[in-house]
Amino acid sequence: MDMKIRTGRIEDLELIYSLMLALFPKNELKTKEKIADLMRKGKYVLYIAENTPSSSEESIIGFCFVYVIHEYKAAWIDYFAINAAYQGSGNGAFLFNNLMGNAGIGDMNLFAELEIPTSTDPQAKENRRIRFYERQGIKLLDIDYKLPINKKITPMHIGFRPASTSTSLSCEMLCEVIREIMNNIHDDEQDMPSVRDEIIEKLARSHSPIIFTSTRLLRLPSNSP
């Protein structure tokens, strides 16, 4: 299969959003209008993997949105997905690895939000998604993170992979990355300020300056408020 990756346009969003509705829990989806606004402002960059130049749902292999935080050499990967028709054939790893080069984020600190599994079934979508990210070198951070979206607050995991030049993730960097994401991606949510402040304050009170090292994931103290 001849796969190519290109930068998406606002006009692609109609088709991409129809796939998002099928691939992600509805309570985790931004509205199509909000995503379009983020794209127009240059906050979100859409990347599309396709196997033909035609504009049909069947031609799209996968997609994702990327938000880059240059100050911290960080990239937030959002709504990374493979079309159901192309899953299970290594297309996810191909898209992920090629995305690193196409988006210029291969040597950045990578972050991603992941659903917390509600099932122990290894084939459940949430568990398969976590295993996929782990195969790409992304580890789950042991922090209390919540997603304010659609007037609800949903507990989520944050996954992290350090840049090749990094040996650790500081609490300070993590707080600033979360602040940036909350202030720019979730700024339309009424509960965002309180959720953002709660996450950051809890991290600041943990007294753990290093959240992650290149060799192991550090747990926050169990008595953290």
N, C-alpha and C. Protein backbone atom coordinates (compact mmCIF):
# COMPACT_ATOMS: atom_id res chain seq x y z
N MET A 1 0.85 -1.19 0.00
CA MET A 1 0.00 0.00 0.00
C MET A 1 0.88 1.25 0.00
N ASP A 2 0.54 2.20 -0.86
CA ASP A 2 1.32 3.43 -0.98
C ASP A 2 0.73 4.49 -0.06
N MET A 3 1.38 4.69 1.09
CA MET A 3 0.87 5.66 2.06
C MET A 3 1.67 6.95 1.98
N LYS A 4 0.96 8.06 2.02
CA LYS A 4 1.65 9.34 2.11
C LYS A 4 1.01 10.14 3.24
N ILE A 5 1.81 11.01 3.83
CA ILE A 5 1.33 11.85 4.92
C ILE A 5 1.39 13.30 4.48
N ARG A 6 0.32 14.00 4.69
CA ARG A 6 0.26 15.41 4.30
C ARG A 6 -0.34 16.24 5.43
N THR A 7 -0.11 17.53 5.35
CA THR A 7 -0.72 18.46 6.29
C THR A 7 -2.17 18.69 5.89
N GLY A 8 -3.07 18.56 6.85
CA GLY A 8 -4.48 18.73 6.55
C GLY A 8 -4.89 20.19 6.48
N ARG A 9 -6.05 20.41 5.86
CA ARG A 9 -6.62 21.74 5.71
C ARG A 9 -7.98 21.79 6.40
N ILE A 10 -8.48 22.98 6.58
CA ILE A 10 -9.81 23.13 7.18
C ILE A 10 -10.85 22.34 6.39
N GLU A 11 -10.69 22.32 5.06
CA GLU A 11 -11.66 21.61 4.21
C GLU A 11 -11.67 20.11 4.48
N ASP A 12 -10.58 19.57 5.03
CA ASP A 12 -10.51 18.14 5.34
C ASP A 12 -11.28 17.78 6.60
N LEU A 13 -11.63 18.77 7.39
CA LEU A 13 -12.15 18.49 8.72
C LEU A 13 -13.51 17.79 8.69
N GLU A 14 -14.32 18.09 7.71
CA GLU A 14 -15.64 17.43 7.61
C GLU A 14 -15.46 15.92 7.58
N LEU A 15 -14.56 15.46 6.74
CA LEU A 15 -14.30 14.04 6.59
C LEU A 15 -13.61 13.47 7.83
N ILE A 16 -12.62 14.17 8.33
CA ILE A 16 -11.88 13.70 9.50
C ILE A 16 -12.79 13.60 10.72
N TYR A 17 -13.67 14.58 10.88
CA TYR A 17 -14.52 14.58 12.08
C TYR A 17 -15.51 13.41 12.05
N SER A 18 -15.95 13.02 10.87
CA SER A 18 -16.85 11.86 10.79
C SER A 18 -16.13 10.60 11.26
N LEU A 19 -14.83 10.50 10.97
CA LEU A 19 -14.04 9.37 11.48
C LEU A 19 -13.83 9.48 12.98
N MET A 20 -13.60 10.70 13.47
CA MET A 20 -13.40 10.89 14.90
C MET A 20 -14.62 10.43 15.70
N LEU A 21 -15.79 10.68 15.17
CA LEU A 21 -17.02 10.28 15.86
C LEU A 21 -17.10 8.76 16.01
N ALA A 22 -16.51 8.05 15.06
CA ALA A 22 -16.55 6.59 15.11
C ALA A 22 -15.41 6.01 15.94
N LEU A 23 -14.33 6.77 16.12
CA LEU A 23 -13.12 6.22 16.73
C LEU A 23 -12.88 6.66 18.18
N PHE A 24 -13.55 7.72 18.62
CA PHE A 24 -13.31 8.24 19.97
C PHE A 24 -14.63 8.34 20.73
N PRO A 25 -14.56 8.18 22.07
CA PRO A 25 -15.77 8.40 22.88
C PRO A 25 -16.28 9.83 22.66
N LYS A 26 -17.56 9.96 22.50
CA LYS A 26 -18.12 11.28 22.21
C LYS A 26 -17.81 12.29 23.31
N ASN A 27 -17.72 11.82 24.56
CA ASN A 27 -17.48 12.76 25.67
C ASN A 27 -16.04 13.28 25.69
N GLU A 28 -15.17 12.77 24.79
CA GLU A 28 -13.80 13.26 24.72
C GLU A 28 -13.55 14.14 23.49
N LEU A 29 -14.59 14.34 22.70
CA LEU A 29 -14.41 15.08 21.46
C LEU A 29 -14.73 16.56 21.60
N LYS A 30 -13.81 17.38 21.12
CA LYS A 30 -14.12 18.78 20.92
C LYS A 30 -15.13 18.89 19.79
N THR A 31 -15.87 20.00 19.75
CA THR A 31 -16.77 20.19 18.62
C THR A 31 -15.95 20.44 17.36
N LYS A 32 -16.56 20.16 16.24
CA LYS A 32 -15.89 20.40 14.96
C LYS A 32 -15.55 21.87 14.81
N GLU A 33 -16.41 22.74 15.31
CA GLU A 33 -16.19 24.18 15.21
C GLU A 33 -14.98 24.61 16.04
N LYS A 34 -14.82 24.01 17.23
CA LYS A 34 -13.69 24.35 18.09
C LYS A 34 -12.38 23.89 17.45
N ILE A 35 -12.38 22.68 16.89
CA ILE A 35 -11.17 22.18 16.24
C ILE A 35 -10.81 23.05 15.05
N ALA A 36 -11.81 23.46 14.28
CA ALA A 36 -11.55 24.34 13.13
C ALA A 36 -10.95 25.66 13.61
N ASP A 37 -11.45 26.18 14.71
CA ASP A 37 -10.92 27.43 15.25
C ASP A 37 -9.47 27.27 15.67
N LEU A 38 -9.14 26.14 16.31
CA LEU A 38 -7.76 25.87 16.72
C LEU A 38 -6.84 25.76 15.49
N MET A 39 -7.35 25.17 14.42
CA MET A 39 -6.56 25.06 13.20
C MET A 39 -6.33 26.43 12.57
N ARG A 40 -7.37 27.24 12.53
CA ARG A 40 -7.24 28.59 11.93
C ARG A 40 -6.23 29.43 12.70
N LYS A 41 -6.19 29.25 14.02
CA LYS A 41 -5.27 30.03 14.86
C LYS A 41 -3.85 29.45 14.88
N GLY A 42 -3.66 28.33 14.20
CA GLY A 42 -2.34 27.71 14.16
C GLY A 42 -1.99 26.93 15.42
N LYS A 43 -2.99 26.69 16.27
CA LYS A 43 -2.74 25.93 17.50
C LYS A 43 -2.66 24.43 17.20
N TYR A 44 -3.60 23.96 16.40
CA TYR A 44 -3.64 22.57 15.97
C TYR A 44 -3.11 22.48 14.54
N VAL A 45 -2.23 21.51 14.29
CA VAL A 45 -1.86 21.17 12.92
C VAL A 45 -2.35 19.75 12.69
N LEU A 46 -3.12 19.57 11.64
CA LEU A 46 -3.69 18.27 11.29
C LEU A 46 -2.76 17.55 10.32
N TYR A 47 -2.47 16.29 10.62
CA TYR A 47 -1.69 15.44 9.71
C TYR A 47 -2.56 14.25 9.30
N ILE A 48 -2.56 13.96 7.99
CA ILE A 48 -3.40 12.91 7.44
C ILE A 48 -2.54 11.91 6.68
N ALA A 49 -2.75 10.63 6.96
CA ALA A 49 -2.12 9.56 6.18
C ALA A 49 -3.18 9.00 5.25
N GLU A 50 -2.86 8.90 3.97
CA GLU A 50 -3.83 8.39 3.01
C GLU A 50 -3.13 7.53 1.96
N ASN A 51 -3.91 6.68 1.30
CA ASN A 51 -3.32 5.79 0.32
C ASN A 51 -3.69 6.14 -1.12
N THR A 52 -4.54 7.13 -1.30
CA THR A 52 -4.86 7.61 -2.64
C THR A 52 -5.06 9.12 -2.55
N PRO A 53 -5.00 9.81 -3.66
CA PRO A 53 -5.24 11.25 -3.62
C PRO A 53 -6.71 11.62 -3.56
N SER A 54 -7.61 10.62 -3.61
CA SER A 54 -9.03 10.95 -3.62
C SER A 54 -9.49 11.37 -2.24
N SER A 55 -10.53 12.19 -2.20
CA SER A 55 -11.05 12.71 -0.93
C SER A 55 -12.25 11.88 -0.48
N SER A 56 -11.99 10.67 -0.09
CA SER A 56 -13.05 9.80 0.41
C SER A 56 -12.64 9.25 1.75
N GLU A 57 -13.62 8.84 2.54
CA GLU A 57 -13.32 8.31 3.86
C GLU A 57 -12.46 7.06 3.76
N GLU A 58 -12.67 6.25 2.71
CA GLU A 58 -11.93 5.02 2.53
C GLU A 58 -10.46 5.27 2.23
N SER A 59 -10.13 6.44 1.69
CA SER A 59 -8.74 6.72 1.34
C SER A 59 -7.90 7.13 2.55
N ILE A 60 -8.54 7.52 3.64
CA ILE A 60 -7.80 7.99 4.82
C ILE A 60 -7.42 6.83 5.71
N ILE A 61 -6.13 6.65 5.90
CA ILE A 61 -5.61 5.57 6.73
C ILE A 61 -5.61 5.99 8.20
N GLY A 62 -5.19 7.20 8.46
CA GLY A 62 -5.13 7.69 9.84
C GLY A 62 -4.90 9.18 9.88
N PHE A 63 -4.90 9.73 11.08
CA PHE A 63 -4.74 11.18 11.24
C PHE A 63 -4.38 11.49 12.68
N CYS A 64 -3.95 12.70 12.91
CA CYS A 64 -3.76 13.21 14.27
C CYS A 64 -3.59 14.71 14.22
N PHE A 65 -3.76 15.33 15.37
CA PHE A 65 -3.53 16.76 15.53
C PHE A 65 -2.31 16.94 16.43
N VAL A 66 -1.51 17.96 16.15
CA VAL A 66 -0.31 18.22 16.93
C VAL A 66 -0.30 19.67 17.38
N TYR A 67 -0.03 19.87 18.66
CA TYR A 67 0.13 21.21 19.24
C TYR A 67 1.58 21.30 19.73
N VAL A 68 2.35 22.22 19.19
CA VAL A 68 3.76 22.34 19.54
C VAL A 68 3.98 23.48 20.52
N ILE A 69 4.75 23.21 21.57
CA ILE A 69 5.12 24.21 22.57
C ILE A 69 6.63 24.39 22.46
N HIS A 70 7.05 25.35 21.66
CA HIS A 70 8.46 25.50 21.33
C HIS A 70 9.32 25.81 22.54
N GLU A 71 8.77 26.58 23.48
CA GLU A 71 9.55 26.98 24.65
C GLU A 71 10.09 25.79 25.42
N TYR A 72 9.31 24.71 25.43
CA TYR A 72 9.71 23.51 26.19
C TYR A 72 10.06 22.35 25.26
N LYS A 73 10.24 22.66 23.99
CA LYS A 73 10.59 21.63 23.02
C LYS A 73 9.65 20.44 23.18
N ALA A 74 8.36 20.75 23.22
CA ALA A 74 7.35 19.74 23.50
C ALA A 74 6.27 19.73 22.43
N ALA A 75 5.69 18.56 22.23
CA ALA A 75 4.58 18.41 21.28
C ALA A 75 3.49 17.60 21.94
N TRP A 76 2.27 18.10 21.84
CA TRP A 76 1.10 17.43 22.40
C TRP A 76 0.37 16.76 21.25
N ILE A 77 0.31 15.42 21.28
CA ILE A 77 -0.34 14.66 20.21
C ILE A 77 -1.79 14.42 20.61
N ASP A 78 -2.70 14.84 19.77
CA ASP A 78 -4.12 14.76 20.10
C ASP A 78 -4.89 14.02 19.01
N TYR A 79 -5.85 13.21 19.45
CA TYR A 79 -6.74 12.50 18.53
C TYR A 79 -5.96 11.72 17.46
N PHE A 80 -4.95 10.99 17.89
CA PHE A 80 -4.21 10.11 16.98
C PHE A 80 -5.06 8.87 16.75
N ALA A 81 -5.33 8.55 15.49
CA ALA A 81 -6.20 7.40 15.23
C ALA A 81 -5.93 6.81 13.85
N ILE A 82 -6.22 5.51 13.74
CA ILE A 82 -6.17 4.80 12.48
C ILE A 82 -7.60 4.39 12.12
N ASN A 83 -7.98 4.64 10.90
CA ASN A 83 -9.28 4.24 10.39
C ASN A 83 -9.48 2.75 10.66
N ALA A 84 -10.67 2.38 11.14
CA ALA A 84 -10.94 0.99 11.52
C ALA A 84 -10.60 0.01 10.40
N ALA A 85 -10.78 0.42 9.16
CA ALA A 85 -10.52 -0.47 8.02
C ALA A 85 -9.04 -0.79 7.86
N TYR A 86 -8.17 0.00 8.49
CA TYR A 86 -6.72 -0.18 8.32
C TYR A 86 -6.01 -0.57 9.61
N GLN A 87 -6.75 -0.88 10.65
CA GLN A 87 -6.14 -1.22 11.92
C GLN A 87 -5.57 -2.64 11.91
N GLY A 88 -4.52 -2.86 12.71
CA GLY A 88 -3.97 -4.19 12.86
C GLY A 88 -2.98 -4.60 11.81
N SER A 89 -2.50 -3.66 11.01
CA SER A 89 -1.55 -4.00 9.94
C SER A 89 -0.26 -3.20 10.04
N GLY A 90 0.00 -2.64 11.22
CA GLY A 90 1.22 -1.86 11.40
C GLY A 90 1.12 -0.44 10.90
N ASN A 91 -0.08 -0.03 10.48
CA ASN A 91 -0.24 1.32 9.95
C ASN A 91 -0.10 2.38 11.04
N GLY A 92 -0.49 2.03 12.27
CA GLY A 92 -0.37 3.00 13.36
C GLY A 92 1.08 3.36 13.64
N ALA A 93 1.94 2.33 13.69
CA ALA A 93 3.36 2.58 13.94
C ALA A 93 3.98 3.34 12.77
N PHE A 94 3.56 2.99 11.55
CA PHE A 94 4.09 3.68 10.37
C PHE A 94 3.72 5.16 10.42
N LEU A 95 2.45 5.45 10.73
CA LEU A 95 2.01 6.83 10.80
C LEU A 95 2.74 7.56 11.92
N PHE A 96 2.85 6.92 13.08
CA PHE A 96 3.51 7.57 14.22
C PHE A 96 4.96 7.91 13.88
N ASN A 97 5.68 6.94 13.35
CA ASN A 97 7.09 7.16 13.05
C ASN A 97 7.30 8.19 11.96
N ASN A 98 6.46 8.17 10.93
CA ASN A 98 6.59 9.15 9.86
C ASN A 98 6.11 10.53 10.29
N LEU A 99 5.16 10.55 11.23
CA LEU A 99 4.70 11.82 11.76
C LEU A 99 5.85 12.56 12.43
N MET A 100 6.73 11.82 13.08
CA MET A 100 7.86 12.46 13.76
C MET A 100 8.67 13.31 12.78
N GLY A 101 8.87 12.79 11.57
CA GLY A 101 9.63 13.54 10.59
C GLY A 101 8.82 14.60 9.90
N ASN A 102 7.59 14.27 9.51
CA ASN A 102 6.76 15.23 8.79
C ASN A 102 6.41 16.44 9.64
N ALA A 103 6.16 16.22 10.91
CA ALA A 103 5.79 17.32 11.81
C ALA A 103 7.00 17.96 12.46
N GLY A 104 8.17 17.35 12.26
CA GLY A 104 9.38 17.90 12.87
C GLY A 104 9.40 17.80 14.38
N ILE A 105 8.76 16.74 14.91
CA ILE A 105 8.66 16.62 16.37
C ILE A 105 9.40 15.39 16.89
N GLY A 106 10.16 14.73 16.02
CA GLY A 106 10.83 13.50 16.42
C GLY A 106 11.80 13.66 17.57
N ASP A 107 12.37 14.84 17.72
CA ASP A 107 13.33 15.07 18.80
C ASP A 107 12.74 15.99 19.86
N MET A 108 11.43 15.93 20.04
CA MET A 108 10.76 16.74 21.05
C MET A 108 10.25 15.86 22.18
N ASN A 109 9.95 16.46 23.31
CA ASN A 109 9.25 15.78 24.40
C ASN A 109 7.80 15.60 23.96
N LEU A 110 7.34 14.35 23.92
CA LEU A 110 6.00 14.06 23.42
C LEU A 110 5.03 13.80 24.57
N PHE A 111 3.84 14.36 24.45
CA PHE A 111 2.77 14.16 25.43
C PHE A 111 1.50 13.72 24.70
N ALA A 112 0.69 12.93 25.39
CA ALA A 112 -0.60 12.51 24.81
C ALA A 112 -1.57 12.19 25.93
N GLU A 113 -2.83 12.51 25.72
CA GLU A 113 -3.89 12.13 26.65
C GLU A 113 -4.40 10.75 26.26
N LEU A 114 -4.63 9.90 27.27
CA LEU A 114 -5.12 8.55 27.02
C LEU A 114 -6.25 8.22 27.98
N GLU A 115 -7.24 7.51 27.46
CA GLU A 115 -8.37 7.11 28.30
C GLU A 115 -7.90 6.13 29.39
N ILE A 116 -8.49 6.24 30.55
CA ILE A 116 -8.24 5.28 31.63
C ILE A 116 -9.13 4.06 31.37
N PRO A 117 -8.56 2.88 31.25
CA PRO A 117 -9.37 1.70 30.93
C PRO A 117 -10.45 1.43 31.98
N THR A 118 -11.60 1.01 31.48
CA THR A 118 -12.69 0.62 32.37
C THR A 118 -12.89 -0.88 32.35
N SER A 119 -12.07 -1.57 31.55
CA SER A 119 -12.18 -3.03 31.41
C SER A 119 -10.79 -3.65 31.55
N THR A 120 -10.75 -4.87 32.06
CA THR A 120 -9.49 -5.61 32.13
C THR A 120 -9.25 -6.43 30.87
N ASP A 121 -10.20 -6.42 29.97
CA ASP A 121 -10.07 -7.14 28.70
C ASP A 121 -8.91 -6.55 27.90
N PRO A 122 -7.87 -7.32 27.61
CA PRO A 122 -6.74 -6.76 26.87
C PRO A 122 -7.09 -6.27 25.48
N GLN A 123 -8.23 -6.74 24.95
CA GLN A 123 -8.64 -6.32 23.61
C GLN A 123 -9.55 -5.08 23.64
N ALA A 124 -9.88 -4.60 24.84
CA ALA A 124 -10.68 -3.38 24.93
C ALA A 124 -9.91 -2.23 24.29
N LYS A 125 -10.64 -1.33 23.65
CA LYS A 125 -10.01 -0.26 22.87
C LYS A 125 -9.02 0.55 23.71
N GLU A 126 -9.39 0.89 24.95
CA GLU A 126 -8.51 1.70 25.78
C GLU A 126 -7.19 0.99 26.07
N ASN A 127 -7.26 -0.33 26.32
CA ASN A 127 -6.05 -1.09 26.62
C ASN A 127 -5.17 -1.26 25.38
N ARG A 128 -5.79 -1.46 24.24
CA ARG A 128 -5.01 -1.57 23.00
C ARG A 128 -4.32 -0.26 22.68
N ARG A 129 -5.01 0.85 22.95
CA ARG A 129 -4.42 2.16 22.67
C ARG A 129 -3.21 2.42 23.57
N ILE A 130 -3.33 2.04 24.84
CA ILE A 130 -2.19 2.22 25.76
C ILE A 130 -1.01 1.38 25.30
N ARG A 131 -1.26 0.13 24.92
CA ARG A 131 -0.17 -0.74 24.47
C ARG A 131 0.49 -0.18 23.21
N PHE A 132 -0.31 0.41 22.32
CA PHE A 132 0.26 1.00 21.11
C PHE A 132 1.23 2.13 21.49
N TYR A 133 0.80 3.02 22.35
CA TYR A 133 1.66 4.14 22.75
C TYR A 133 2.91 3.63 23.47
N GLU A 134 2.76 2.61 24.29
CA GLU A 134 3.93 2.06 24.98
C GLU A 134 4.94 1.51 23.99
N ARG A 135 4.46 0.91 22.91
CA ARG A 135 5.38 0.40 21.89
C ARG A 135 6.13 1.53 21.19
N GLN A 136 5.56 2.73 21.21
CA GLN A 136 6.23 3.89 20.62
C GLN A 136 7.12 4.61 21.63
N GLY A 137 7.29 4.00 22.80
CA GLY A 137 8.18 4.57 23.81
C GLY A 137 7.52 5.55 24.75
N ILE A 138 6.20 5.65 24.71
CA ILE A 138 5.48 6.58 25.58
C ILE A 138 5.03 5.85 26.85
N LYS A 139 5.34 6.44 28.00
CA LYS A 139 4.97 5.84 29.28
C LYS A 139 3.92 6.69 29.98
N LEU A 140 3.07 6.03 30.76
CA LEU A 140 2.04 6.75 31.50
C LEU A 140 2.65 7.42 32.73
N LEU A 141 2.33 8.69 32.92
CA LEU A 141 2.80 9.40 34.10
C LEU A 141 1.86 9.13 35.27
N ASP A 142 2.44 9.01 36.44
CA ASP A 142 1.65 8.73 37.63
C ASP A 142 1.20 10.05 38.26
N ILE A 143 0.28 10.71 37.58
CA ILE A 143 -0.25 11.96 38.09
C ILE A 143 -1.77 11.95 37.99
N ASP A 144 -2.39 12.84 38.75
CA ASP A 144 -3.85 12.97 38.75
C ASP A 144 -4.23 14.03 37.71
N TYR A 145 -4.62 13.56 36.53
CA TYR A 145 -4.94 14.48 35.42
C TYR A 145 -6.41 14.34 35.06
N LYS A 146 -7.02 15.47 34.74
CA LYS A 146 -8.43 15.46 34.37
C LYS A 146 -8.65 16.31 33.12
N LEU A 147 -9.59 15.88 32.32
CA LEU A 147 -9.91 16.55 31.06
C LEU A 147 -11.24 17.28 31.19
N PRO A 148 -11.25 18.62 31.13
CA PRO A 148 -12.52 19.34 31.14
C PRO A 148 -13.04 19.46 29.71
N ILE A 149 -14.15 18.78 29.43
CA ILE A 149 -14.65 18.79 28.06
C ILE A 149 -16.14 18.53 28.04
N ASN A 150 -16.83 19.26 27.19
CA ASN A 150 -18.28 19.11 27.04
C ASN A 150 -19.02 19.21 28.37
N LYS A 151 -18.59 20.18 29.19
CA LYS A 151 -19.22 20.47 30.47
C LYS A 151 -19.09 19.32 31.47
N LYS A 152 -18.11 18.44 31.24
CA LYS A 152 -17.84 17.35 32.16
C LYS A 152 -16.34 17.33 32.47
N ILE A 153 -16.00 16.66 33.58
CA ILE A 153 -14.59 16.50 33.96
C ILE A 153 -14.29 15.01 33.96
N THR A 154 -13.40 14.60 33.05
CA THR A 154 -13.11 13.18 32.86
C THR A 154 -11.67 12.87 33.25
N PRO A 155 -11.46 11.96 34.23
CA PRO A 155 -10.09 11.56 34.57
C PRO A 155 -9.42 10.89 33.36
N MET A 156 -8.16 11.23 33.13
CA MET A 156 -7.41 10.69 31.98
C MET A 156 -5.98 10.40 32.41
N HIS A 157 -5.31 9.58 31.59
CA HIS A 157 -3.87 9.41 31.72
C HIS A 157 -3.16 10.45 30.86
N ILE A 158 -1.92 10.78 31.24
CA ILE A 158 -1.02 11.50 30.34
C ILE A 158 0.15 10.58 30.05
N GLY A 159 0.43 10.41 28.76
CA GLY A 159 1.59 9.64 28.35
C GLY A 159 2.72 10.58 27.98
N PHE A 160 3.97 10.12 28.18
CA PHE A 160 5.13 10.98 27.93
C PHE A 160 6.28 10.18 27.34
N ARG A 161 6.94 10.76 26.35
CA ARG A 161 8.20 10.22 25.83
C ARG A 161 9.21 11.35 25.75
N PRO A 162 10.36 11.21 26.39
CA PRO A 162 11.33 12.31 26.40
C PRO A 162 12.03 12.46 25.06
N ALA A 163 12.47 13.67 24.79
CA ALA A 163 13.31 13.92 23.62
C ALA A 163 14.62 13.17 23.81
N SER A 164 15.30 12.89 22.70
CA SER A 164 16.54 12.12 22.78
C SER A 164 17.60 12.84 23.61
N THR A 165 17.48 14.17 23.70
CA THR A 165 18.46 14.94 24.47
C THR A 165 18.04 15.13 25.93
N SER A 166 16.86 14.61 26.29
CA SER A 166 16.37 14.77 27.66
C SER A 166 16.59 13.51 28.47
N THR A 167 16.86 13.68 29.73
CA THR A 167 17.01 12.54 30.63
C THR A 167 15.91 12.51 31.69
N SER A 168 15.12 13.58 31.75
CA SER A 168 14.08 13.63 32.77
C SER A 168 13.00 14.63 32.39
N LEU A 169 11.88 14.54 33.09
CA LEU A 169 10.78 15.50 32.96
C LEU A 169 10.62 16.16 34.32
N SER A 170 10.82 17.46 34.36
CA SER A 170 10.68 18.17 35.63
C SER A 170 9.22 18.49 35.90
N CYS A 171 8.92 18.62 37.17
CA CYS A 171 7.57 19.03 37.57
C CYS A 171 7.25 20.39 36.98
N GLU A 172 8.24 21.26 36.94
CA GLU A 172 8.03 22.61 36.40
C GLU A 172 7.63 22.56 34.93
N MET A 173 8.33 21.75 34.13
CA MET A 173 7.98 21.67 32.72
C MET A 173 6.58 21.09 32.54
N LEU A 174 6.29 20.02 33.27
CA LEU A 174 4.98 19.39 33.15
C LEU A 174 3.87 20.38 33.50
N CYS A 175 4.06 21.15 34.56
CA CYS A 175 3.05 22.15 34.95
C CYS A 175 2.84 23.17 33.84
N GLU A 176 3.93 23.64 33.23
CA GLU A 176 3.81 24.65 32.19
C GLU A 176 3.19 24.10 30.92
N VAL A 177 3.49 22.84 30.59
CA VAL A 177 2.87 22.22 29.42
C VAL A 177 1.37 22.07 29.64
N ILE A 178 0.99 21.59 30.82
CA ILE A 178 -0.44 21.45 31.13
C ILE A 178 -1.14 22.81 31.11
N ARG A 179 -0.48 23.83 31.66
CA ARG A 179 -1.07 25.18 31.65
C ARG A 179 -1.29 25.66 30.21
N GLU A 180 -0.31 25.42 29.36
CA GLU A 180 -0.42 25.84 27.96
C GLU A 180 -1.57 25.14 27.25
N ILE A 181 -1.68 23.83 27.46
CA ILE A 181 -2.73 23.06 26.81
C ILE A 181 -4.11 23.48 27.32
N MET A 182 -4.23 23.63 28.61
CA MET A 182 -5.52 24.02 29.18
C MET A 182 -5.93 25.41 28.68
N ASN A 183 -4.98 26.33 28.67
CA ASN A 183 -5.30 27.71 28.30
C ASN A 183 -5.61 27.90 26.82
N ASN A 184 -5.16 26.97 26.00
CA ASN A 184 -5.33 27.16 24.56
C ASN A 184 -6.25 26.14 23.90
N ILE A 185 -6.21 24.89 24.33
CA ILE A 185 -7.09 23.89 23.73
C ILE A 185 -8.43 23.82 24.46
N HIS A 186 -8.39 23.96 25.78
CA HIS A 186 -9.62 23.79 26.56
C HIS A 186 -10.15 25.12 27.12
N ASP A 187 -9.77 26.22 26.50
CA ASP A 187 -10.16 27.53 27.01
C ASP A 187 -11.65 27.82 26.89
N ASP A 188 -12.37 27.01 26.13
CA ASP A 188 -13.82 27.21 25.97
C ASP A 188 -14.63 26.49 27.04
N GLU A 189 -13.95 25.76 27.93
CA GLU A 189 -14.65 25.00 28.95
C GLU A 189 -14.77 25.81 30.24
N GLN A 190 -15.98 25.89 30.76
CA GLN A 190 -16.25 26.68 31.96
C GLN A 190 -15.43 26.19 33.16
N ASP A 191 -15.23 24.87 33.26
CA ASP A 191 -14.52 24.31 34.41
C ASP A 191 -13.00 24.32 34.24
N MET A 192 -12.52 24.78 33.08
CA MET A 192 -11.08 24.69 32.82
C MET A 192 -10.22 25.35 33.89
N PRO A 193 -10.47 26.61 34.28
CA PRO A 193 -9.57 27.25 35.26
C PRO A 193 -9.44 26.47 36.57
N SER A 194 -10.54 25.98 37.09
CA SER A 194 -10.46 25.26 38.36
C SER A 194 -9.77 23.91 38.19
N VAL A 195 -10.04 23.21 37.07
CA VAL A 195 -9.38 21.92 36.80
C VAL A 195 -7.89 22.13 36.61
N ARG A 196 -7.52 23.12 35.81
CA ARG A 196 -6.11 23.44 35.58
C ARG A 196 -5.38 23.74 36.88
N ASP A 197 -5.97 24.60 37.68
CA ASP A 197 -5.31 25.02 38.92
C ASP A 197 -5.18 23.86 39.90
N GLU A 198 -6.19 22.99 39.95
CA GLU A 198 -6.14 21.84 40.85
C GLU A 198 -5.00 20.89 40.46
N ILE A 199 -4.87 20.61 39.16
CA ILE A 199 -3.81 19.71 38.68
C ILE A 199 -2.44 20.30 39.01
N ILE A 200 -2.25 21.57 38.68
CA ILE A 200 -0.95 22.20 38.86
C ILE A 200 -0.60 22.36 40.34
N GLU A 201 -1.58 22.73 41.15
CA GLU A 201 -1.32 22.88 42.58
C GLU A 201 -0.96 21.54 43.22
N LYS A 202 -1.63 20.49 42.80
CA LYS A 202 -1.32 19.17 43.36
C LYS A 202 0.10 18.75 42.96
N LEU A 203 0.48 19.01 41.72
CA LEU A 203 1.84 18.69 41.29
C LEU A 203 2.86 19.51 42.08
N ALA A 204 2.57 20.79 42.28
CA ALA A 204 3.50 21.66 42.99
C ALA A 204 3.66 21.23 44.45
N ARG A 205 2.60 20.68 45.04
CA ARG A 205 2.67 20.26 46.45
C ARG A 205 3.31 18.89 46.62
N SER A 206 3.58 18.21 45.52
CA SER A 206 4.10 16.84 45.62
C SER A 206 5.54 16.80 46.11
N HIS A 207 6.26 17.94 45.99
CA HIS A 207 7.66 18.01 46.39
C HIS A 207 8.52 17.02 45.60
N SER A 208 8.08 16.67 44.40
CA SER A 208 8.86 15.80 43.53
C SER A 208 9.30 16.62 42.32
N PRO A 209 10.51 17.17 42.34
CA PRO A 209 10.94 18.02 41.23
C PRO A 209 11.07 17.27 39.92
N ILE A 210 11.32 15.94 40.00
CA ILE A 210 11.46 15.14 38.79
C ILE A 210 10.31 14.13 38.75
N ILE A 211 9.55 14.17 37.66
CA ILE A 211 8.41 13.26 37.51
C ILE A 211 8.83 11.98 36.79
N PHE A 212 9.81 12.10 35.91
CA PHE A 212 10.18 11.00 35.04
C PHE A 212 11.68 11.06 34.77
N THR A 213 12.33 9.89 34.75
CA THR A 213 13.72 9.83 34.28
C THR A 213 13.76 8.88 33.10
N SER A 214 14.86 8.89 32.37
CA SER A 214 14.97 8.06 31.18
C SER A 214 14.96 6.57 31.50
N THR A 215 15.19 6.23 32.76
CA THR A 215 15.23 4.82 33.13
C THR A 215 14.01 4.35 33.91
N ARG A 216 13.30 5.26 34.50
CA ARG A 216 12.13 4.81 35.26
C ARG A 216 11.13 5.95 35.46
N LEU A 217 9.89 5.54 35.73
CA LEU A 217 8.82 6.47 36.03
C LEU A 217 8.74 6.65 37.53
N LEU A 218 8.78 7.89 38.00
CA LEU A 218 8.76 8.15 39.43
C LEU A 218 7.33 8.37 39.91
N ARG A 219 6.97 7.71 40.96
CA ARG A 219 5.64 7.87 41.53
C ARG A 219 5.63 9.05 42.49
N LEU A 220 4.53 9.78 42.48
CA LEU A 220 4.39 10.87 43.44
C LEU A 220 4.11 10.27 44.82
N PRO A 221 4.44 11.00 45.88
CA PRO A 221 4.18 10.48 47.23
C PRO A 221 2.71 10.14 47.42
N SER A 222 2.43 9.02 48.05
CA SER A 222 1.04 8.57 48.19
C SER A 222 0.23 9.49 49.08
N ASN A 223 0.89 10.30 49.89
CA ASN A 223 0.16 11.21 50.77
C ASN A 223 -0.02 12.58 50.16
N SER A 224 0.24 12.70 48.85
CA SER A 224 0.01 14.00 48.21
C SER A 224 -1.46 14.33 48.27
N PRO A 225 -1.82 15.58 48.58
CA PRO A 225 -3.26 15.94 48.69
C PRO A 225 -3.95 15.75 47.36
